[in-house]
Amino acid sequence: SSDLLRDDLLGVFGDAALTGKPAGDDLREGKRTLLVALALEAADTEQAATVASLLGRPDLDDAGVSTLRAVLTSTGADRRVEQLVIDGATAARGALDRAPGLDAQSRQA
């Protein structure tokens, strides 16, 4: 769902003060998210090796987090996931607009 995809983005790129968890925690935990899968799908050999060597390391420091973020960004994985979030939200709003029996206030909520 769009919420889970947004959470994946925040787990890597989010501000810890806003998300309540350290930025990069998902990378330290080695979560195999769609974000990571899309990055690996588009990665060249060097980028894939970087992900393999850093993803899931509990001792991953800020420099390692930055390196993984750079791979996620340079492969376009972050933009692809963000577009999926936008597309999902647009589809949901369209479904609400077409849903019978909902008043404007219900649709807005």
Protein backbone atom coordinates (compact mmCIF):
# COMPACT_ATOMS: atom_id res chain seq x y z
CA SER A 1 0.00 0.00 0.00
CA SER A 2 1.03 3.62 -0.38
CA ASP A 3 1.45 3.98 3.40
CA LEU A 4 3.98 1.15 3.51
CA LEU A 5 5.89 2.56 0.57
CA ARG A 6 5.95 5.99 2.20
CA ASP A 7 7.21 4.36 5.41
CA ASP A 8 10.00 2.68 3.44
CA LEU A 9 11.08 6.06 2.06
CA LEU A 10 10.95 7.66 5.51
CA GLY A 11 12.93 4.77 7.00
CA VAL A 12 15.81 5.64 4.69
CA PHE A 13 15.47 9.35 3.95
CA GLY A 14 13.31 10.62 6.84
CA ASP A 15 14.23 13.08 9.54
CA ALA A 16 14.60 11.20 12.84
CA ALA A 17 13.06 14.13 14.71
CA LEU A 18 9.88 13.72 12.66
CA THR A 19 9.74 9.94 12.21
CA GLY A 20 10.75 8.97 15.74
CA LYS A 21 13.34 6.47 14.54
CA PRO A 22 16.93 6.93 13.45
CA ALA A 23 17.35 7.61 9.74
CA GLY A 24 18.84 4.59 8.04
CA ASP A 25 17.49 2.07 10.56
CA ASP A 26 15.79 0.11 7.78
CA LEU A 27 19.17 -0.11 6.03
CA ARG A 28 20.90 -1.30 9.21
CA GLU A 29 18.17 -3.90 9.70
CA GLY A 30 18.59 -5.06 6.10
CA LYS A 31 14.92 -4.69 5.23
CA ARG A 32 14.27 -6.00 1.73
CA THR A 33 11.85 -3.30 0.72
CA LEU A 34 10.58 -2.42 -2.73
CA LEU A 35 12.93 0.56 -2.56
CA VAL A 36 15.92 -1.78 -2.23
CA ALA A 37 14.58 -4.19 -4.86
CA LEU A 38 14.13 -1.40 -7.41
CA ALA A 39 17.61 -0.10 -6.68
CA LEU A 40 19.12 -3.54 -7.21
CA GLU A 41 17.10 -4.01 -10.40
CA ALA A 42 18.61 -0.82 -11.85
CA ALA A 43 22.05 -1.07 -10.23
CA ASP A 44 25.26 -1.61 -12.10
CA THR A 45 27.76 -4.15 -10.77
CA GLU A 46 29.50 -1.68 -8.47
CA GLN A 47 26.24 -0.35 -7.02
CA ALA A 48 24.93 -3.88 -6.43
CA ALA A 49 28.17 -4.79 -4.65
CA THR A 50 27.84 -1.69 -2.47
CA VAL A 51 24.33 -2.66 -1.45
CA ALA A 52 25.41 -6.25 -0.78
CA SER A 53 28.30 -5.13 1.42
CA LEU A 54 26.44 -2.49 3.45
CA LEU A 55 22.76 -3.46 3.67
CA GLY A 56 21.93 -5.23 6.93
CA ARG A 57 25.04 -4.20 8.84
CA PRO A 58 23.97 -3.27 12.39
CA ASP A 59 27.15 -1.22 12.75
CA LEU A 60 26.41 0.84 9.63
CA ASP A 61 27.55 4.39 10.33
CA ASP A 62 26.27 7.66 8.89
CA ALA A 63 28.76 7.47 6.02
CA GLY A 64 27.47 4.00 5.10
CA VAL A 65 23.88 5.22 5.27
CA SER A 66 24.83 8.09 2.96
CA THR A 67 26.50 5.69 0.55
CA LEU A 68 23.41 3.48 0.39
CA ARG A 69 21.16 6.52 -0.01
CA ALA A 70 23.32 7.59 -2.95
CA VAL A 71 22.75 4.22 -4.63
CA LEU A 72 19.00 4.40 -4.01
CA THR A 73 18.94 7.90 -5.48
CA SER A 74 21.30 7.38 -8.42
CA THR A 75 19.40 4.27 -9.55
CA GLY A 76 16.15 6.25 -9.44
CA ALA A 77 14.60 3.82 -6.93
CA ASP A 78 13.53 6.66 -4.64
CA ARG A 79 11.73 8.47 -7.46
CA ARG A 80 10.02 5.27 -8.62
CA VAL A 81 8.71 4.51 -5.14
CA GLU A 82 7.58 8.13 -4.68
CA GLN A 83 5.69 7.88 -7.99
CA LEU A 84 4.00 4.68 -6.82
CA VAL A 85 2.90 6.51 -3.66
CA ILE A 86 1.49 9.36 -5.75
CA ASP A 87 -0.23 6.96 -8.15
CA GLY A 88 -1.76 5.01 -5.26
CA ALA A 89 -3.07 8.15 -3.59
CA THR A 90 -4.52 9.38 -6.89
CA ALA A 91 -6.24 6.04 -7.49
CA ALA A 92 -7.64 6.04 -3.95
CA ARG A 93 -9.04 9.56 -4.34
CA GLY A 94 -10.60 8.55 -7.65
CA ALA A 95 -12.22 5.51 -6.06
CA LEU A 96 -13.64 7.71 -3.30
CA ASP A 97 -14.99 10.17 -5.86
CA ARG A 98 -16.82 7.32 -7.61
CA ALA A 99 -18.02 5.57 -4.44
CA PRO A 100 -21.80 5.68 -4.14
CA GLY A 101 -23.33 7.03 -0.95
CA LEU A 102 -20.42 9.11 0.29
CA ASP A 103 -21.00 12.77 0.98
CA ALA A 104 -18.33 15.42 0.43
CA GLN A 105 -17.27 15.44 4.07
CA SER A 106 -16.74 11.68 4.06
CA ARG A 107 -14.72 11.88 0.85
CA GLN A 108 -12.56 14.64 2.29
CA ALA A 109 -11.85 12.65 5.44
